[in-house]
Amino acid sequence: MINLTVPDMACSACSETITQAILALDQQAKVEANLTTKEVTVDTHCSGTEIKTAIASAGYTPT
């Protein structure tokens, strides 16, 4: 389980873009994006670095 904060995730379109970027990397991933806390939780076989790179490639800043 990977927990990240994405401070520039502002709306449902942002969370959908992030979710799609992660699913492009791992179709079996389970992604939960909380707009209130700006947290993204991912259950995946990919590494944290791979997930961060996918989110960054979608234009967001994961921490």
Protein backbone atom coordinates (compact mmCIF):
# COMPACT_ATOMS: atom_id res chain seq x y z
CA MET A 1 0.00 0.00 0.00
CA ILE A 2 1.39 3.38 -1.04
CA ASN A 3 0.17 6.61 0.57
CA LEU A 4 1.05 9.92 -1.08
CA THR A 5 0.04 13.54 -0.66
CA VAL A 6 -0.68 15.44 -3.87
CA PRO A 7 -1.10 19.09 -2.81
CA ASP A 8 -2.05 20.29 -6.31
CA MET A 9 -4.95 17.80 -6.67
CA ALA A 10 -7.86 20.25 -6.56
CA CYS A 11 -10.93 18.67 -8.16
CA SER A 12 -12.53 15.44 -9.29
CA ALA A 13 -10.98 15.84 -12.75
CA CYS A 14 -7.56 15.99 -11.08
CA SER A 15 -8.22 12.82 -9.12
CA GLU A 16 -9.49 11.08 -12.26
CA THR A 17 -6.36 12.09 -14.20
CA ILE A 18 -4.15 10.77 -11.41
CA THR A 19 -6.16 7.54 -11.19
CA GLN A 20 -5.90 6.98 -14.96
CA ALA A 21 -2.13 7.61 -14.88
CA ILE A 22 -1.74 4.95 -12.19
CA LEU A 23 -4.04 2.48 -13.95
CA ALA A 24 -2.00 2.92 -17.15
CA LEU A 25 0.95 1.60 -15.15
CA ASP A 26 -0.97 -1.16 -13.33
CA GLN A 27 -4.49 -2.03 -14.54
CA GLN A 28 -5.12 -4.04 -11.36
CA ALA A 29 -4.25 -1.18 -8.98
CA LYS A 30 -6.84 0.04 -6.50
CA VAL A 31 -6.69 3.84 -6.24
CA GLU A 32 -8.41 6.03 -3.66
CA ALA A 33 -8.08 9.80 -3.98
CA ASN A 34 -9.31 12.04 -1.16
CA LEU A 35 -9.76 15.62 -2.35
CA THR A 36 -10.26 16.96 1.18
CA THR A 37 -6.96 15.67 2.54
CA LYS A 38 -5.18 15.66 -0.87
CA GLU A 39 -4.12 12.06 -0.22
CA VAL A 40 -3.86 9.26 -2.76
CA THR A 41 -3.74 5.66 -1.56
CA VAL A 42 -2.68 3.00 -4.05
CA ASP A 43 -2.76 -0.77 -3.63
CA THR A 44 -0.40 -1.99 -6.35
CA HIS A 45 2.53 -4.23 -7.15
CA CYS A 46 4.45 -1.20 -8.51
CA SER A 47 7.05 0.64 -6.46
CA GLY A 48 6.44 4.00 -4.83
CA THR A 49 8.91 5.55 -7.25
CA GLU A 50 6.99 4.21 -10.26
CA ILE A 51 3.70 5.57 -8.87
CA LYS A 52 5.26 8.97 -8.12
CA THR A 53 6.68 9.11 -11.64
CA ALA A 54 3.28 8.29 -13.17
CA ILE A 55 1.59 11.03 -11.11
CA ALA A 56 4.34 13.53 -11.98
CA SER A 57 4.01 12.65 -15.67
CA ALA A 58 0.31 13.51 -15.41
CA GLY A 59 1.30 17.01 -14.24
CA TYR A 60 1.00 16.70 -10.46
CA THR A 61 3.47 16.87 -7.58
CA PRO A 62 3.32 13.80 -5.31
CA THR A 63 5.12 13.88 -1.96
